[in-house]
Amino acid sequence: MSNSALSSCSAQDLPVGSPAATTAPGLTAGRGLLYVTFTALTWGTTGATATLAMDSSGLGSVALTFWRGAGGFALLLAVRFLVPGYRRAARTRRPVGSRSRRAAAVLVNGIGLTVFNTAFFAAVESTGTAVGTVVTLGAAPVLAALGGRLLMGERLGGGGRLAVVGAVAGLAVLVLGGGSATVRPAGVAFALLSAAGYALFTVHARYLGRVGRATDPFTTTLTSFGVCTVALLPLAAAGGVLPTAHGLGRTLLLMGYLVTVPTALAYALFFTGLTAVRATTATVITLLEPVTAAVIAVTVLGERLTAATVLGTVVLMTAVAGLALVETRGATAPAGEPVSAG
C-alpha cells in the first residue's frame, strides 16, 4: 500500500475511543508531522522494492501480495496485543452492527485492499515504478470522489469538479504523451484497477461512517490484511508461492523490508501521527509518496521519464491536492440518503 487508505483514515472520521481518535499521550504536532512524513517516504519505496523483489525471487504480483498481507497481518496483530495503547483499545472496543454486517464490512474492505495491492504490484511490474505509482495514487482519490457522488449522493461542488477534471487531464497527458517506452497500456490498466480497489474500501468506509458503523482504521487494516492473505493463498500456491533459491538472501531482505517498514511500521506510525495532524495536512504530505517513487525509479531502477510524463504527473498531483482541500472545506456534502451497501 501503498499505501494507503488515506481517505478512510482521515482523522476527523475516526470513531471516539479508537487508537487514533484522540491525541496519543506525549505526541506533539511536530512529531505527528514527522511520523506522517516518514510514512509517505517509506510508502514511496514500495513499488521499487516490489520490482526488485519480483526480479530476484521469480514471484509474481499475486504471490508477493500474499506475503505482504500475511507478514503485515502478523506484525500488526502483534502490535495490537503488545503495544499498550492498541491493547487497551482491543479490550474496550465494542462491536458495531450485527455479526453479518460486520462480516460483510470486513470482506468488502479486504477485497478492496487485495485488489489495490495485487494490481499495484502488477502495474509497477508492467509499466514501471514511477508511472504505476503516479497513476494509481492519482486516480484513486478521483475514483473515490466519483464513487461517493454516484453511490451516496455526495456533491462535488464546483471546486471538486474542477479538481476531477484536472486529474483526468493530467492522467491523459501522462498516458498519451509518455511514449511506449515509458507508459504501457497494460500497466496503466492495472494501475486503474488498483485505484478502483482503493476507491472501493474508501467509499465503503465513508458509508459505514455515515450510518454510524465505522471501525477504527487500525482494526480495518488488520482484518483487511487477514482477508487478503486467505483470499490469495490458493492463487499464490497455484502460481508458485516460494521464491527461487537463486538470490534467496537478497529476496528475503527485500521482502522483510517490504513487510516491516512500508507496511507494519508505516501504518502504525501513520495512525499515531493522525492523532496530532489534520487530515488535509496528512493527505498533502503523502503526496511525497509518488515523488519519492519517481526519484527512486529514475536514480535506482534506471527508468526514463519523458517531459510529458513529468508534466502529467505534476498536473495530476496538483489536482489531487486540490481535491483534498475542497473536501476539507465541506464541498462534498450529502445530497440525500446513502445508497445501501447491503
Protein backbone atom coordinates (compact mmCIF):
# COMPACT_ATOMS: atom_id res chain seq x y z
CA MET A 1 0.00 0.00 0.00
CA SER A 2 0.63 1.70 -0.85
CA ASN A 3 -0.12 2.57 0.76
CA SER A 4 -2.60 3.68 1.82
CA ALA A 5 -6.15 4.21 2.59
CA LEU A 6 -5.86 7.86 3.28
CA SER A 7 -9.46 8.93 2.84
CA SER A 8 -10.70 6.12 5.06
CA CYS A 9 -8.12 7.06 7.70
CA SER A 10 -8.94 10.76 7.94
CA ALA A 11 -8.58 11.99 11.49
CA GLN A 12 -11.99 13.62 11.58
CA ASP A 13 -13.65 10.36 10.52
CA LEU A 14 -12.23 8.22 13.33
CA PRO A 15 -14.63 6.91 16.00
CA VAL A 16 -14.15 8.08 19.56
CA GLY A 17 -12.14 5.58 21.53
CA SER A 18 -10.07 4.29 18.63
CA PRO A 19 -6.28 4.40 18.92
CA ALA A 20 -6.14 7.36 16.55
CA ALA A 21 -9.26 9.17 17.72
CA THR A 22 -7.54 11.20 20.41
CA THR A 23 -4.04 12.56 20.61
CA ALA A 24 -1.56 9.95 21.80
CA PRO A 25 -0.01 10.85 25.17
CA GLY A 26 3.10 12.97 24.73
CA LEU A 27 2.68 13.27 20.97
CA THR A 28 3.29 16.80 19.68
CA ALA A 29 2.15 18.16 16.34
CA GLY A 30 5.77 18.25 15.22
CA ARG A 31 6.29 14.59 15.98
CA GLY A 32 2.99 13.75 14.31
CA LEU A 33 4.18 15.53 11.16
CA LEU A 34 7.43 13.59 11.37
CA TYR A 35 5.54 10.29 11.59
CA VAL A 36 3.33 11.08 8.59
CA THR A 37 6.28 12.32 6.54
CA PHE A 38 8.26 9.18 7.33
CA THR A 39 5.26 7.10 6.33
CA ALA A 40 4.92 8.87 2.98
CA LEU A 41 8.60 8.45 2.22
CA THR A 42 8.59 4.75 3.07
CA TRP A 43 5.40 4.14 1.09
CA GLY A 44 7.22 5.72 -1.83
CA THR A 45 9.72 2.85 -1.71
CA THR A 46 7.05 0.16 -2.03
CA GLY A 47 6.95 -0.01 -5.82
CA ALA A 48 10.73 -0.14 -6.24
CA THR A 49 11.05 -2.77 -3.51
CA ALA A 50 8.36 -4.87 -5.14
CA THR A 51 10.06 -4.59 -8.53
CA LEU A 52 13.41 -5.69 -7.14
CA ALA A 53 11.81 -8.48 -5.09
CA MET A 54 9.92 -9.87 -8.10
CA ASP A 55 13.07 -9.74 -10.22
CA SER A 56 15.16 -11.66 -7.69
CA SER A 57 12.54 -14.11 -6.44
CA GLY A 58 10.66 -15.13 -9.57
CA LEU A 59 7.41 -14.40 -7.71
CA GLY A 60 4.51 -12.68 -9.41
CA SER A 61 2.34 -9.86 -8.10
CA VAL A 62 -0.17 -12.27 -6.51
CA ALA A 63 2.45 -14.19 -4.51
CA LEU A 64 4.19 -11.00 -3.43
CA THR A 65 0.89 -9.50 -2.27
CA PHE A 66 0.15 -12.71 -0.36
CA TRP A 67 3.42 -12.48 1.53
CA ARG A 68 2.94 -8.79 2.22
CA GLY A 69 -0.57 -9.46 3.50
CA ALA A 70 0.49 -12.40 5.68
CA GLY A 71 3.51 -10.58 7.10
CA GLY A 72 1.60 -7.36 7.62
CA PHE A 73 -1.24 -9.21 9.37
CA ALA A 74 1.15 -11.00 11.72
CA LEU A 75 3.08 -7.86 12.65
CA LEU A 76 0.00 -5.65 13.05
CA LEU A 77 -1.62 -8.37 15.18
CA ALA A 78 1.46 -8.30 17.40
CA VAL A 79 1.20 -4.51 17.66
CA ARG A 80 -2.48 -4.79 18.55
CA PHE A 81 -1.83 -7.02 21.56
CA LEU A 82 1.67 -5.97 22.63
CA VAL A 83 1.59 -2.14 22.37
CA PRO A 84 -0.30 -0.77 25.43
CA GLY A 85 -2.46 1.80 23.59
CA TYR A 86 -3.66 -0.65 20.97
CA ARG A 87 -4.04 -3.44 23.54
CA ARG A 88 -6.38 -1.27 25.63
CA ALA A 89 -8.37 -0.40 22.51
CA ALA A 90 -8.70 -4.10 21.64
CA ARG A 91 -10.12 -4.83 25.11
CA THR A 92 -12.57 -1.92 25.20
CA ARG A 93 -13.77 -1.78 21.57
CA ARG A 94 -17.43 -2.65 21.23
CA PRO A 95 -18.66 -4.37 18.05
CA VAL A 96 -20.91 -2.14 15.94
CA GLY A 97 -23.81 -3.62 13.98
CA SER A 98 -24.90 -7.21 13.55
CA ARG A 99 -22.43 -10.04 13.05
CA SER A 100 -23.41 -10.42 9.38
CA ARG A 101 -22.92 -6.69 8.69
CA ARG A 102 -19.53 -6.72 10.40
CA ALA A 103 -18.51 -9.75 8.34
CA ALA A 104 -19.68 -8.05 5.15
CA ALA A 105 -17.69 -4.93 6.02
CA VAL A 106 -14.56 -6.99 6.65
CA LEU A 107 -14.98 -8.77 3.30
CA VAL A 108 -15.52 -5.56 1.33
CA ASN A 109 -12.50 -3.88 2.88
CA GLY A 110 -10.40 -7.00 2.46
CA ILE A 111 -11.32 -7.43 -1.19
CA GLY A 112 -10.62 -3.76 -1.86
CA LEU A 113 -7.21 -3.96 -0.21
CA THR A 114 -6.39 -7.20 -2.05
CA VAL A 115 -7.23 -5.72 -5.45
CA PHE A 116 -5.41 -2.49 -4.57
CA ASN A 117 -2.14 -4.21 -3.67
CA THR A 118 -2.14 -7.00 -6.26
CA ALA A 119 -2.99 -4.73 -9.17
CA PHE A 120 -0.49 -2.11 -7.95
CA PHE A 121 2.37 -4.61 -7.98
CA ALA A 122 1.25 -5.79 -11.42
CA ALA A 123 1.22 -2.17 -12.60
CA VAL A 124 4.76 -1.39 -11.46
CA GLU A 125 5.95 -4.67 -12.95
CA SER A 126 4.35 -3.82 -16.30
CA THR A 127 4.82 -0.08 -16.77
CA GLY A 128 7.45 0.82 -14.16
CA THR A 129 7.53 2.11 -10.62
CA ALA A 130 7.15 5.82 -11.39
CA VAL A 131 4.20 5.64 -13.77
CA GLY A 132 2.48 2.78 -11.92
CA THR A 133 2.64 4.67 -8.62
CA VAL A 134 1.58 8.03 -10.03
CA VAL A 135 -1.40 6.64 -11.98
CA THR A 136 -2.59 4.57 -9.03
CA LEU A 137 -2.31 7.31 -6.44
CA GLY A 138 -3.60 9.99 -8.78
CA ALA A 139 -6.64 8.06 -9.97
CA ALA A 140 -7.55 6.57 -6.58
CA PRO A 141 -8.94 9.69 -4.84
CA VAL A 142 -10.68 10.75 -8.06
CA LEU A 143 -12.46 7.40 -8.36
CA ALA A 144 -13.31 7.59 -4.66
CA ALA A 145 -14.84 11.06 -5.12
CA LEU A 146 -16.84 9.88 -8.13
CA GLY A 147 -17.93 6.76 -6.23
CA GLY A 148 -19.16 8.89 -3.35
CA ARG A 149 -21.10 11.05 -5.82
CA LEU A 150 -22.73 8.12 -7.62
CA LEU A 151 -23.37 5.77 -4.70
CA MET A 152 -24.00 8.12 -1.78
CA GLY A 153 -25.13 11.33 -3.45
CA GLU A 154 -22.15 13.38 -2.23
CA ARG A 155 -21.88 16.71 -4.02
CA LEU A 156 -18.51 17.51 -5.51
CA GLY A 157 -19.17 21.21 -5.89
CA GLY A 158 -17.50 23.46 -8.45
CA GLY A 159 -14.04 23.12 -6.93
CA GLY A 160 -14.36 19.35 -6.68
CA ARG A 161 -15.45 19.02 -10.31
CA LEU A 162 -12.53 21.21 -11.39
CA ALA A 163 -10.12 19.01 -9.40
CA VAL A 164 -11.53 15.85 -11.01
CA VAL A 165 -11.24 17.36 -14.50
CA GLY A 166 -7.67 18.42 -13.73
CA ALA A 167 -6.80 14.91 -12.55
CA VAL A 168 -8.25 13.35 -15.69
CA ALA A 169 -6.34 15.86 -17.84
CA GLY A 170 -3.11 15.08 -16.01
CA LEU A 171 -3.69 11.36 -16.45
CA ALA A 172 -4.36 11.85 -20.16
CA VAL A 173 -1.17 13.85 -20.65
CA LEU A 174 0.83 11.26 -18.75
CA VAL A 175 -0.56 8.28 -20.66
CA LEU A 176 -0.89 9.71 -24.17
CA GLY A 177 2.32 11.72 -24.11
CA GLY A 178 4.51 9.29 -22.22
CA GLY A 179 5.65 7.20 -25.17
CA SER A 180 5.56 3.43 -25.45
CA ALA A 181 8.95 3.08 -23.75
CA THR A 182 7.67 4.78 -20.61
CA VAL A 183 3.93 4.12 -20.40
CA ARG A 184 2.43 0.74 -21.26
CA PRO A 185 -1.37 0.42 -21.63
CA ALA A 186 -1.50 -2.88 -19.69
CA GLY A 187 0.36 -1.31 -16.78
CA VAL A 188 -1.94 1.71 -16.79
CA ALA A 189 -4.95 -0.64 -16.78
CA PHE A 190 -3.56 -2.45 -13.74
CA ALA A 191 -2.94 0.90 -12.04
CA LEU A 192 -6.54 1.97 -12.68
CA LEU A 193 -7.76 -1.38 -11.31
CA SER A 194 -5.63 -0.80 -8.24
CA ALA A 195 -7.15 2.67 -7.86
CA ALA A 196 -10.62 1.12 -8.13
CA GLY A 197 -9.76 -1.23 -5.25
CA TYR A 198 -8.72 1.79 -3.21
CA ALA A 199 -11.93 3.58 -4.09
CA LEU A 200 -13.97 0.54 -3.05
CA PHE A 201 -12.81 0.46 0.56
CA THR A 202 -12.64 4.24 0.80
CA VAL A 203 -16.26 4.77 -0.27
CA HIS A 204 -17.32 1.83 1.87
CA ALA A 205 -15.59 3.40 4.89
CA ARG A 206 -17.44 6.68 4.22
CA TYR A 207 -20.73 4.80 4.06
CA LEU A 208 -20.08 2.99 7.34
CA GLY A 209 -19.13 6.28 8.97
CA ARG A 210 -22.32 7.92 7.73
CA VAL A 211 -24.59 5.18 9.11
CA GLY A 212 -22.70 5.01 12.40
CA ARG A 213 -20.97 1.67 11.93
CA ALA A 214 -17.38 2.85 11.42
CA THR A 215 -14.47 0.91 12.90
CA ASP A 216 -11.06 2.28 13.75
CA PRO A 217 -8.59 2.32 10.82
CA PHE A 218 -6.07 0.08 12.58
CA THR A 219 -8.61 -2.71 13.03
CA THR A 220 -9.84 -2.24 9.46
CA THR A 221 -6.31 -2.60 8.11
CA LEU A 222 -5.56 -5.59 10.33
CA THR A 223 -8.65 -7.54 9.27
CA SER A 224 -8.21 -6.49 5.64
CA PHE A 225 -4.71 -7.97 5.57
CA GLY A 226 -6.19 -11.14 7.05
CA VAL A 227 -8.78 -11.38 4.27
CA CYS A 228 -6.08 -10.61 1.70
CA THR A 229 -3.93 -13.46 2.99
CA VAL A 230 -6.74 -16.03 2.95
CA ALA A 231 -8.10 -14.92 -0.43
CA LEU A 232 -4.74 -15.04 -2.20
CA LEU A 233 -3.36 -18.24 -0.68
CA PRO A 234 -4.93 -20.58 -3.29
CA LEU A 235 -3.92 -18.35 -6.22
CA ALA A 236 -0.43 -17.80 -4.85
CA ALA A 237 0.05 -21.53 -4.23
CA ALA A 238 -1.13 -22.36 -7.76
CA GLY A 239 1.30 -19.91 -9.33
CA GLY A 240 4.19 -20.63 -7.01
CA VAL A 241 4.37 -19.13 -3.55
CA LEU A 242 8.01 -19.88 -2.74
CA PRO A 243 10.86 -17.76 -4.10
CA THR A 244 13.64 -19.27 -6.17
CA ALA A 245 16.75 -20.48 -4.39
CA HIS A 246 18.97 -18.25 -6.52
CA GLY A 247 19.42 -14.93 -4.76
CA LEU A 248 17.32 -16.11 -1.80
CA GLY A 249 19.18 -13.95 0.70
CA ARG A 250 18.53 -10.79 -1.33
CA THR A 251 14.89 -11.78 -1.77
CA LEU A 252 14.38 -12.31 1.96
CA LEU A 253 15.94 -8.94 2.75
CA LEU A 254 13.69 -7.16 0.24
CA MET A 255 10.54 -8.94 1.38
CA GLY A 256 11.46 -8.43 5.02
CA TYR A 257 11.80 -4.70 4.38
CA LEU A 258 8.51 -4.63 2.45
CA VAL A 259 6.60 -6.32 5.26
CA THR A 260 8.12 -4.40 8.16
CA VAL A 261 8.92 -0.82 7.12
CA PRO A 262 6.36 0.35 4.48
CA THR A 263 3.68 -1.99 5.85
CA ALA A 264 3.54 -2.66 9.61
CA LEU A 265 5.74 0.20 10.84
CA ALA A 266 4.40 2.76 8.37
CA TYR A 267 0.76 2.01 9.16
CA ALA A 268 1.36 2.11 12.92
CA LEU A 269 3.16 5.45 12.65
CA PHE A 270 0.56 6.85 10.26
CA PHE A 271 -2.34 6.04 12.58
CA THR A 272 -0.41 7.53 15.50
CA GLY A 273 0.54 10.64 13.54
CA LEU A 274 -3.08 11.26 12.58
CA THR A 275 -3.88 11.93 16.22
CA ALA A 276 -1.88 15.16 16.04
CA VAL A 277 -2.06 16.11 12.34
CA ARG A 278 -5.08 17.38 10.44
CA ALA A 279 -6.34 15.02 7.73
CA THR A 280 -5.77 17.51 4.91
CA THR A 281 -2.21 18.12 6.05
CA ALA A 282 -1.61 14.37 6.12
CA THR A 283 -3.09 13.95 2.65
CA VAL A 284 -0.87 16.66 1.18
CA ILE A 285 2.23 15.28 2.91
CA THR A 286 1.56 11.83 1.49
CA LEU A 287 1.94 13.29 -1.99
CA LEU A 288 5.61 12.77 -1.18
CA GLU A 289 4.95 9.11 -1.94
CA PRO A 290 4.72 9.38 -5.76
CA VAL A 291 7.57 11.91 -5.77
CA THR A 292 9.75 9.50 -3.81
CA ALA A 293 8.75 6.63 -6.08
CA ALA A 294 9.65 8.64 -9.20
CA VAL A 295 13.04 9.67 -7.82
CA ILE A 296 13.90 6.08 -6.88
CA ALA A 297 12.66 4.80 -10.24
CA VAL A 298 14.96 7.17 -12.13
CA THR A 299 18.04 7.05 -9.91
CA VAL A 300 18.00 3.40 -8.79
CA LEU A 301 15.99 1.45 -11.36
CA GLY A 302 17.12 3.45 -14.37
CA GLU A 303 13.63 4.28 -15.61
CA ARG A 304 13.28 7.13 -18.10
CA LEU A 305 10.61 9.80 -17.76
CA THR A 306 9.59 11.94 -20.72
CA ALA A 307 8.68 15.61 -20.41
CA ALA A 308 5.03 14.69 -20.95
CA THR A 309 5.20 12.15 -18.13
CA VAL A 310 6.61 14.74 -15.75
CA LEU A 311 4.01 17.33 -16.80
CA GLY A 312 1.16 14.86 -16.44
CA THR A 313 2.43 13.86 -13.00
CA VAL A 314 2.57 17.47 -11.81
CA VAL A 315 -0.94 18.23 -13.08
CA LEU A 316 -2.33 15.02 -11.61
CA MET A 317 -0.81 15.50 -8.16
CA THR A 318 -1.84 19.17 -8.07
CA ALA A 319 -5.42 18.13 -8.79
CA VAL A 320 -5.30 15.54 -6.01
CA ALA A 321 -4.07 18.15 -3.53
CA GLY A 322 -6.84 20.47 -4.68
CA LEU A 323 -9.45 17.74 -4.25
CA ALA A 324 -8.26 17.14 -0.68
CA LEU A 325 -8.56 20.84 0.13
CA VAL A 326 -12.01 21.07 -1.43
CA GLU A 327 -13.30 18.11 0.56
CA THR A 328 -11.94 19.51 3.82
CA ARG A 329 -13.74 22.79 3.23
CA GLY A 330 -17.00 20.92 3.05
CA ALA A 331 -17.54 20.91 -0.69
CA THR A 332 -18.61 17.28 -0.58
CA ALA A 333 -21.88 17.26 1.25
CA PRO A 334 -24.60 14.60 1.20
CA ALA A 335 -27.33 15.18 -1.33
CA GLY A 336 -29.74 12.63 0.03
CA GLU A 337 -29.94 9.30 1.77
CA PRO A 338 -26.97 6.94 1.35
CA VAL A 339 -27.36 4.00 -1.00
CA SER A 340 -27.50 0.73 0.90
CA ALA A 341 -24.33 -1.32 0.76
CA GLY A 342 -26.04 -4.48 1.93
